[in-house]
C-alpha atoms as a PDB file:
ATOM      1  CA  UNK A   1       0.054   0.285   0.345  1.00  0.00           C
ATOM      2  CA  UNK A   2       1.178   3.573  -0.200  1.00  0.00           C
ATOM      3  CA  UNK A   3       2.209   5.850   2.227  1.00  0.00           C
ATOM      4  CA  UNK A   4       0.596   8.257   3.692  1.00  0.00           C
ATOM      5  CA  UNK A   5       0.141  11.370   0.990  1.00  0.00           C
ATOM      6  CA  UNK A   6       1.621  15.120   2.053  1.00  0.00           C
ATOM      7  CA  UNK A   7      -0.410  18.038   2.904  1.00  0.00           C
ATOM      8  CA  UNK A   8       0.231  19.561  -0.772  1.00  0.00           C
ATOM      9  CA  UNK A   9      -0.737  16.517  -2.525  1.00  0.00           C
ATOM     10  CA  UNK A  10      -4.438  15.794  -0.703  1.00  0.00           C
ATOM     11  CA  UNK A  11      -5.508  19.493  -1.059  1.00  0.00           C
ATOM     12  CA  UNK A  12      -4.874  19.292  -4.996  1.00  0.00           C
ATOM     13  CA  UNK A  13      -6.821  16.284  -4.578  1.00  0.00           C
ATOM     14  CA  UNK A  14      -9.462  17.485  -3.222  1.00  0.00           C
ATOM     15  CA  UNK A  15      -9.427  20.944  -4.606  1.00  0.00           C
ATOM     16  CA  UNK A  16     -10.108  18.731  -7.900  1.00  0.00           C
ATOM     17  CA  UNK A  17     -12.752  16.384  -6.470  1.00  0.00           C
ATOM     18  CA  UNK A  18     -14.528  20.036  -5.823  1.00  0.00           C
ATOM     19  CA  UNK A  19     -13.658  21.696  -8.987  1.00  0.00           C
ATOM     20  CA  UNK A  20     -15.707  18.754 -10.745  1.00  0.00           C
ATOM     21  CA  UNK A  21     -18.640  18.175  -8.125  1.00  0.00           C
ATOM     22  CA  UNK A  22     -18.687  21.435  -6.004  1.00  0.00           C
ATOM     23  CA  UNK A  23     -21.974  20.086  -4.012  1.00  0.00           C
ATOM     24  CA  UNK A  24     -21.903  16.377  -3.835  1.00  0.00           C
ATOM     25  CA  UNK A  25     -24.579  14.223  -2.537  1.00  0.00           C
ATOM     26  CA  UNK A  26     -25.190  11.452  -1.149  1.00  0.00           C
ATOM     27  CA  UNK A  27     -27.686   8.589  -3.451  1.00  0.00           C
ATOM     28  CA  UNK A  28     -30.116   7.558  -0.777  1.00  0.00           C
ATOM     29  CA  UNK A  29     -33.422   9.271  -0.571  1.00  0.00           C
ATOM     30  CA  UNK A  30     -34.830  10.669   2.372  1.00  0.00           C
ATOM     31  CA  UNK A  31     -36.989  13.291   3.267  1.00  0.00           C
ATOM     32  CA  UNK A  32     -36.032  14.585   7.159  1.00  0.00           C
ATOM     33  CA  UNK A  33     -33.280  13.412   9.828  1.00  0.00           C
ATOM     34  CA  UNK A  34     -35.759  10.054  10.703  1.00  0.00           C
ATOM     35  CA  UNK A  35     -35.938   9.203   7.192  1.00  0.00           C
ATOM     36  CA  UNK A  36     -32.595   9.673   6.232  1.00  0.00           C
ATOM     37  CA  UNK A  37     -31.438   7.859   9.738  1.00  0.00           C
ATOM     38  CA  UNK A  38     -34.137   4.987   8.286  1.00  0.00           C
ATOM     39  CA  UNK A  39     -32.459   4.703   4.871  1.00  0.00           C
ATOM     40  CA  UNK A  40     -29.473   4.235   6.386  1.00  0.00           C
ATOM     41  CA  UNK A  41     -29.726   1.531   8.642  1.00  0.00           C
ATOM     42  CA  UNK A  42     -31.771   0.038   5.760  1.00  0.00           C
ATOM     43  CA  UNK A  43     -28.744  -0.038   3.585  1.00  0.00           C
ATOM     44  CA  UNK A  44     -26.393  -1.919   5.177  1.00  0.00           C
ATOM     45  CA  UNK A  45     -25.361  -4.654   3.053  1.00  0.00           C
ATOM     46  CA  UNK A  46     -27.608  -3.631   0.450  1.00  0.00           C
ATOM     47  CA  UNK A  47     -27.984  -0.997  -2.293  1.00  0.00           C
ATOM     48  CA  UNK A  48     -29.094   2.334  -2.657  1.00  0.00           C
ATOM     49  CA  UNK A  49     -31.220   1.699  -5.206  1.00  0.00           C
ATOM     50  CA  UNK A  50     -32.396  -1.049  -3.678  1.00  0.00           C
ATOM     51  CA  UNK A  51     -33.129   0.732  -0.920  1.00  0.00           C
ATOM     52  CA  UNK A  52     -34.540   3.901  -2.492  1.00  0.00           C
ATOM     53  CA  UNK A  53     -37.559   1.425  -4.132  1.00  0.00           C
ATOM     54  CA  UNK A  54     -38.230   0.299  -0.772  1.00  0.00           C
ATOM     55  CA  UNK A  55     -38.694   3.108   1.178  1.00  0.00           C
ATOM     56  CA  UNK A  56     -40.609   5.336  -1.878  1.00  0.00           C
ATOM     57  CA  UNK A  57     -43.719   4.271  -0.642  1.00  0.00           C
ATOM     58  CA  UNK A  58     -43.126   3.561   3.208  1.00  0.00           C
ATOM     59  CA  UNK A  59     -41.703   7.107   3.758  1.00  0.00           C
ATOM     60  CA  UNK A  60     -44.997   8.504   2.125  1.00  0.00           C
ATOM     61  CA  UNK A  61     -46.819   6.521   5.492  1.00  0.00           C
ATOM     62  CA  UNK A  62     -43.526   6.682   7.695  1.00  0.00           C
ATOM     63  CA  UNK A  63     -41.852   9.696   8.041  1.00  0.00           C
ATOM     64  CA  UNK A  64     -41.309   9.693  11.619  1.00  0.00           C
ATOM     65  CA  UNK A  65     -41.340   7.414  14.349  1.00  0.00           C
ATOM     66  CA  UNK A  66     -44.454   7.812  15.695  1.00  0.00           C
ATOM     67  CA  UNK A  67     -45.731   7.434  12.325  1.00  0.00           C
ATOM     68  CA  UNK A  68     -43.445   3.845  12.371  1.00  0.00           C
ATOM     69  CA  UNK A  69     -44.893   2.972  15.565  1.00  0.00           C
ATOM     70  CA  UNK A  70     -48.188   2.902  13.994  1.00  0.00           C
ATOM     71  CA  UNK A  71     -47.640   1.219  10.876  1.00  0.00           C
ATOM     72  CA  UNK A  72     -45.961  -1.613  12.997  1.00  0.00           C
ATOM     73  CA  UNK A  73     -43.766  -4.252  12.270  1.00  0.00           C
ATOM     74  CA  UNK A  74     -45.486  -6.519   9.849  1.00  0.00           C
ATOM     75  CA  UNK A  75     -46.577  -3.497   8.011  1.00  0.00           C
ATOM     76  CA  UNK A  76     -42.630  -1.930   7.765  1.00  0.00           C
ATOM     77  CA  UNK A  77     -41.680  -5.524   6.863  1.00  0.00           C
ATOM     78  CA  UNK A  78     -44.078  -5.354   3.969  1.00  0.00           C
ATOM     79  CA  UNK A  79     -42.067  -2.004   2.261  1.00  0.00           C
ATOM     80  CA  UNK A  80     -38.734  -3.387   2.822  1.00  0.00           C
ATOM     81  CA  UNK A  81     -39.499  -7.501   2.000  1.00  0.00           C
ATOM     82  CA  UNK A  82     -36.920  -6.472  -0.668  1.00  0.00           C
ATOM     83  CA  UNK A  83     -34.267  -5.955   0.822  1.00  0.00           C
ATOM     84  CA  UNK A  84     -31.639  -8.041   2.643  1.00  0.00           C
ATOM     85  CA  UNK A  85     -31.861  -9.191   6.438  1.00  0.00           C
ATOM     86  CA  UNK A  86     -34.823  -7.266   6.060  1.00  0.00           C
ATOM     87  CA  UNK A  87     -36.597  -9.076   9.802  1.00  0.00           C
ATOM     88  CA  UNK A  88     -33.887  -8.363  11.514  1.00  0.00           C
ATOM     89  CA  UNK A  89     -34.076  -4.562   9.700  1.00  0.00           C
ATOM     90  CA  UNK A  90     -37.357  -4.042  10.551  1.00  0.00           C
ATOM     91  CA  UNK A  91     -36.953  -5.174  14.500  1.00  0.00           C
ATOM     92  CA  UNK A  92     -34.283  -2.064  14.528  1.00  0.00           C
ATOM     93  CA  UNK A  93     -36.572   0.482  12.685  1.00  0.00           C
ATOM     94  CA  UNK A  94     -39.179  -0.521  15.308  1.00  0.00           C
ATOM     95  CA  UNK A  95     -37.436  -0.758  18.744  1.00  0.00           C
ATOM     96  CA  UNK A  96     -35.372   2.611  17.505  1.00  0.00           C
ATOM     97  CA  UNK A  97     -38.622   4.585  16.599  1.00  0.00           C
ATOM     98  CA  UNK A  98     -39.548   3.517  20.073  1.00  0.00           C
ATOM     99  CA  UNK A  99     -36.576   5.303  21.547  1.00  0.00           C
ATOM    100  CA  UNK A 100     -36.615   8.541  19.663  1.00  0.00           C
ATOM    101  CA  UNK A 101     -40.581   8.918  20.577  1.00  0.00           C
ATOM    102  CA  UNK A 102     -39.840   7.996  24.497  1.00  0.00           C
ATOM    103  CA  UNK A 103     -36.477   9.205  24.803  1.00  0.00           C
ATOM    104  CA  UNK A 104     -35.693  12.101  22.476  1.00  0.00           C
ATOM    105  CA  UNK A 105     -39.039  13.628  22.012  1.00  0.00           C
ATOM    106  CA  UNK A 106     -39.800  11.920  18.756  1.00  0.00           C
ATOM    107  CA  UNK A 107     -36.336  13.789  17.398  1.00  0.00           C
ATOM    108  CA  UNK A 108     -33.473  12.428  16.060  1.00  0.00           C
ATOM    109  CA  UNK A 109     -30.193  12.867  18.269  1.00  0.00           C
ATOM    110  CA  UNK A 110     -27.746  14.946  16.675  1.00  0.00           C
ATOM    111  CA  UNK A 111     -24.903  13.381  19.006  1.00  0.00           C
ATOM    112  CA  UNK A 112     -22.657  10.431  17.905  1.00  0.00           C
ATOM    113  CA  UNK A 113     -22.779   8.707  21.103  1.00  0.00           C
ATOM    114  CA  UNK A 114     -26.530   8.736  20.955  1.00  0.00           C
ATOM    115  CA  UNK A 115     -26.997   8.222  17.303  1.00  0.00           C
ATOM    116  CA  UNK A 116     -24.812   4.820  18.166  1.00  0.00           C
ATOM    117  CA  UNK A 117     -26.710   3.881  21.052  1.00  0.00           C
ATOM    118  CA  UNK A 118     -29.599   3.255  18.505  1.00  0.00           C
ATOM    119  CA  UNK A 119     -30.420  -0.371  17.644  1.00  0.00           C
ATOM    120  CA  UNK A 120     -29.405  -1.007  13.891  1.00  0.00           C
ATOM    121  CA  UNK A 121     -27.297   2.216  13.807  1.00  0.00           C
ATOM    122  CA  UNK A 122     -22.973   1.875  14.191  1.00  0.00           C
ATOM    123  CA  UNK A 123     -21.001   4.378  14.053  1.00  0.00           C
ATOM    124  CA  UNK A 124     -20.523   4.294  10.469  1.00  0.00           C
ATOM    125  CA  UNK A 125     -24.858   5.102  10.055  1.00  0.00           C
ATOM    126  CA  UNK A 126     -23.827   7.845  12.898  1.00  0.00           C
ATOM    127  CA  UNK A 127     -21.668  10.110  10.675  1.00  0.00           C
ATOM    128  CA  UNK A 128     -23.936   9.785   7.521  1.00  0.00           C
ATOM    129  CA  UNK A 129     -26.578  11.116   9.649  1.00  0.00           C
ATOM    130  CA  UNK A 130     -24.065  13.938  11.453  1.00  0.00           C
ATOM    131  CA  UNK A 131     -23.194  14.770   8.088  1.00  0.00           C
ATOM    132  CA  UNK A 132     -25.804  14.761   5.772  1.00  0.00           C
ATOM    133  CA  UNK A 133     -28.282  15.959   7.775  1.00  0.00           C
ATOM    134  CA  UNK A 134     -26.566  18.167  10.838  1.00  0.00           C
ATOM    135  CA  UNK A 135     -23.890  19.416   8.361  1.00  0.00           C
ATOM    136  CA  UNK A 136     -20.761  17.610  10.907  1.00  0.00           C
ATOM    137  CA  UNK A 137     -17.681  16.729   8.740  1.00  0.00           C
ATOM    138  CA  UNK A 138     -17.663  13.485   9.980  1.00  0.00           C
ATOM    139  CA  UNK A 139     -16.310  10.906   8.037  1.00  0.00           C
ATOM    140  CA  UNK A 140     -18.225   7.743   7.476  1.00  0.00           C
ATOM    141  CA  UNK A 141     -15.905   4.970   6.294  1.00  0.00           C
ATOM    142  CA  UNK A 142     -17.648   2.335   4.563  1.00  0.00           C
ATOM    143  CA  UNK A 143     -15.991  -0.216   2.156  1.00  0.00           C
ATOM    144  CA  UNK A 144     -15.335   2.013  -0.385  1.00  0.00           C
ATOM    145  CA  UNK A 145     -14.023   4.838   1.393  1.00  0.00           C
ATOM    146  CA  UNK A 146     -11.937   2.244   3.792  1.00  0.00           C
ATOM    147  CA  UNK A 147     -10.208   1.188   0.005  1.00  0.00           C
ATOM    148  CA  UNK A 148      -9.745   4.244  -1.542  1.00  0.00           C
ATOM    149  CA  UNK A 149      -8.349   6.265   1.107  1.00  0.00           C
ATOM    150  CA  UNK A 150      -5.996   3.652   1.455  1.00  0.00           C
ATOM    151  CA  UNK A 151      -5.698   2.804  -2.052  1.00  0.00           C
ATOM    152  CA  UNK A 152      -4.413   6.171  -3.278  1.00  0.00           C
ATOM    153  CA  UNK A 153      -2.888   7.243   0.345  1.00  0.00           C
ATOM    154  CA  UNK A 154      -5.239  10.072   1.613  1.00  0.00           C
ATOM    155  CA  UNK A 155      -5.191   7.853   4.893  1.00  0.00           C
ATOM    156  CA  UNK A 156      -3.834   4.870   5.939  1.00  0.00           C
ATOM    157  CA  UNK A 157      -5.057   2.513   8.579  1.00  0.00           C
ATOM    158  CA  UNK A 158      -5.777  -1.224   8.962  1.00  0.00           C
ATOM    159  CA  UNK A 159      -9.942  -1.079  10.154  1.00  0.00           C
ATOM    160  CA  UNK A 160     -12.450   1.710   9.603  1.00  0.00           C
ATOM    161  CA  UNK A 161     -11.963   3.506  12.759  1.00  0.00           C
ATOM    162  CA  UNK A 162      -8.158   3.989  12.126  1.00  0.00           C
ATOM    163  CA  UNK A 163      -9.237   5.518   8.275  1.00  0.00           C
ATOM    164  CA  UNK A 164     -11.577   8.020  10.026  1.00  0.00           C
ATOM    165  CA  UNK A 165      -9.307   9.219  12.510  1.00  0.00           C
ATOM    166  CA  UNK A 166      -6.604   9.431   9.363  1.00  0.00           C
ATOM    167  CA  UNK A 167      -9.254  11.091   7.470  1.00  0.00           C
ATOM    168  CA  UNK A 168     -10.142  13.717  10.074  1.00  0.00           C
ATOM    169  CA  UNK A 169      -6.727  14.154  10.502  1.00  0.00           C
ATOM    170  CA  UNK A 170      -5.072  15.146   6.779  1.00  0.00           C
ATOM    171  CA  UNK A 171      -7.690  16.414   5.026  1.00  0.00           C
ATOM    172  CA  UNK A 172      -8.111  20.268   4.807  1.00  0.00           C
ATOM    173  CA  UNK A 173     -10.668  21.832   6.935  1.00  0.00           C
ATOM    174  CA  UNK A 174     -11.962  23.602   3.614  1.00  0.00           C
ATOM    175  CA  UNK A 175     -13.017  20.460   2.276  1.00  0.00           C
ATOM    176  CA  UNK A 176     -13.763  18.028   5.384  1.00  0.00           C
ATOM    177  CA  UNK A 177     -17.607  18.597   5.136  1.00  0.00           C
ATOM    178  CA  UNK A 178     -18.176  16.786   1.448  1.00  0.00           C
ATOM    179  CA  UNK A 179     -14.852  14.410   1.676  1.00  0.00           C
ATOM    180  CA  UNK A 180     -17.683  11.289   2.791  1.00  0.00           C
ATOM    181  CA  UNK A 181     -19.429  11.922  -0.217  1.00  0.00           C
ATOM    182  CA  UNK A 182     -16.483  12.769  -2.844  1.00  0.00           C
ATOM    183  CA  UNK A 183     -14.592   9.211  -1.631  1.00  0.00           C
ATOM    184  CA  UNK A 184     -17.515   7.257  -1.503  1.00  0.00           C
ATOM    185  CA  UNK A 185     -18.922   8.166  -5.063  1.00  0.00           C
ATOM    186  CA  UNK A 186     -15.278   8.034  -6.186  1.00  0.00           C
ATOM    187  CA  UNK A 187     -14.837   4.730  -5.360  1.00  0.00           C
ATOM    188  CA  UNK A 188     -18.536   3.390  -6.077  1.00  0.00           C
ATOM    189  CA  UNK A 189     -17.863   4.675  -9.558  1.00  0.00           C
ATOM    190  CA  UNK A 190     -13.819   5.284 -10.538  1.00  0.00           C
ATOM    191  CA  UNK A 191     -11.463   3.652  -8.054  1.00  0.00           C
ATOM    192  CA  UNK A 192     -13.573   0.178  -8.121  1.00  0.00           C
ATOM    193  CA  UNK A 193     -12.480  -2.561  -5.932  1.00  0.00           C
ATOM    194  CA  UNK A 194     -11.484  -5.434  -8.652  1.00  0.00           C
ATOM    195  CA  UNK A 195     -10.596  -2.850 -11.897  1.00  0.00           C
ATOM    196  CA  UNK A 196     -10.395   0.714 -10.754  1.00  0.00           C
ATOM    197  CA  UNK A 197     -10.959   2.406 -13.710  1.00  0.00           C
ATOM    198  CA  UNK A 198      -7.807   4.562 -13.932  1.00  0.00           C
ATOM    199  CA  UNK A 199      -8.020   5.853 -17.197  1.00  0.00           C
ATOM    200  CA  UNK A 200     -10.660   8.068 -16.406  1.00  0.00           C
ATOM    201  CA  UNK A 201      -9.804   8.790 -12.512  1.00  0.00           C
ATOM    202  CA  UNK A 202      -9.067  12.695 -12.108  1.00  0.00           C
ATOM    203  CA  UNK A 203      -6.579  11.858  -9.658  1.00  0.00           C
ATOM    204  CA  UNK A 204      -4.647   9.396 -11.563  1.00  0.00           C
ATOM    205  CA  UNK A 205      -1.163  11.683 -12.013  1.00  0.00           C
ATOM    206  CA  UNK A 206      -1.348  12.366  -7.586  1.00  0.00           C
ATOM    207  CA  UNK A 207      -2.486   8.408  -6.703  1.00  0.00           C
ATOM    208  CA  UNK A 208       0.987   6.394  -6.531  1.00  0.00           C
ATOM    209  CA  UNK A 209      -1.258   3.135  -6.399  1.00  0.00           C
ATOM    210  CA  UNK A 210       1.437   0.864  -8.195  1.00  0.00           C
ATOM    211  CA  UNK A 211      -1.449  -1.572 -10.411  1.00  0.00           C
ATOM    212  CA  UNK A 212      -3.164   1.075 -12.264  1.00  0.00           C
ATOM    213  CA  UNK A 213      -5.741  -0.329 -15.259  1.00  0.00           C
ATOM    214  CA  UNK A 214      -4.983   0.946 -18.813  1.00  0.00           C
END
């Protein structure tokens, strides 16, 4: 794996990302903080497109924790049964909806600790909500970001938490808010796992990855 890149190179990488896509957005559909939280929780081991298809009708009838409770677990399953692990995900969504109603006045909390304490919500999901809804420079490290960070030398780490900390340490402040979206989109469409699209990569000349494709 490449060594950690220096400040000037990382700055240029994110300058290019910004020039190419000044306002990057995630690909999950949502209406508010609660629907974003549910969508991200449902997206584990599933595609964003698959989740969007399932939630298109769900969020019309259950866009708040109380409405989700009113819908009930079986009603929820009816909407998300096309998503992998739908039974366990439905249980988690119902439990977190109950906690939000009982302990948070029906509102989604804005701290990582509170979010991560909810059933089915891990650190990555919490960081997505903090970044996307609350506009905090949180780094939600998924498989795409983990791969891109280590492959390019933007951030090094043996696990997702180490990469998260390294991204926070090395990405210039002016790019941190949108870095999560730039990296995940780059990993999803360009810096792919099996065969990265190096000829089309806008940071090819800055990337020290040795096994570039041609």
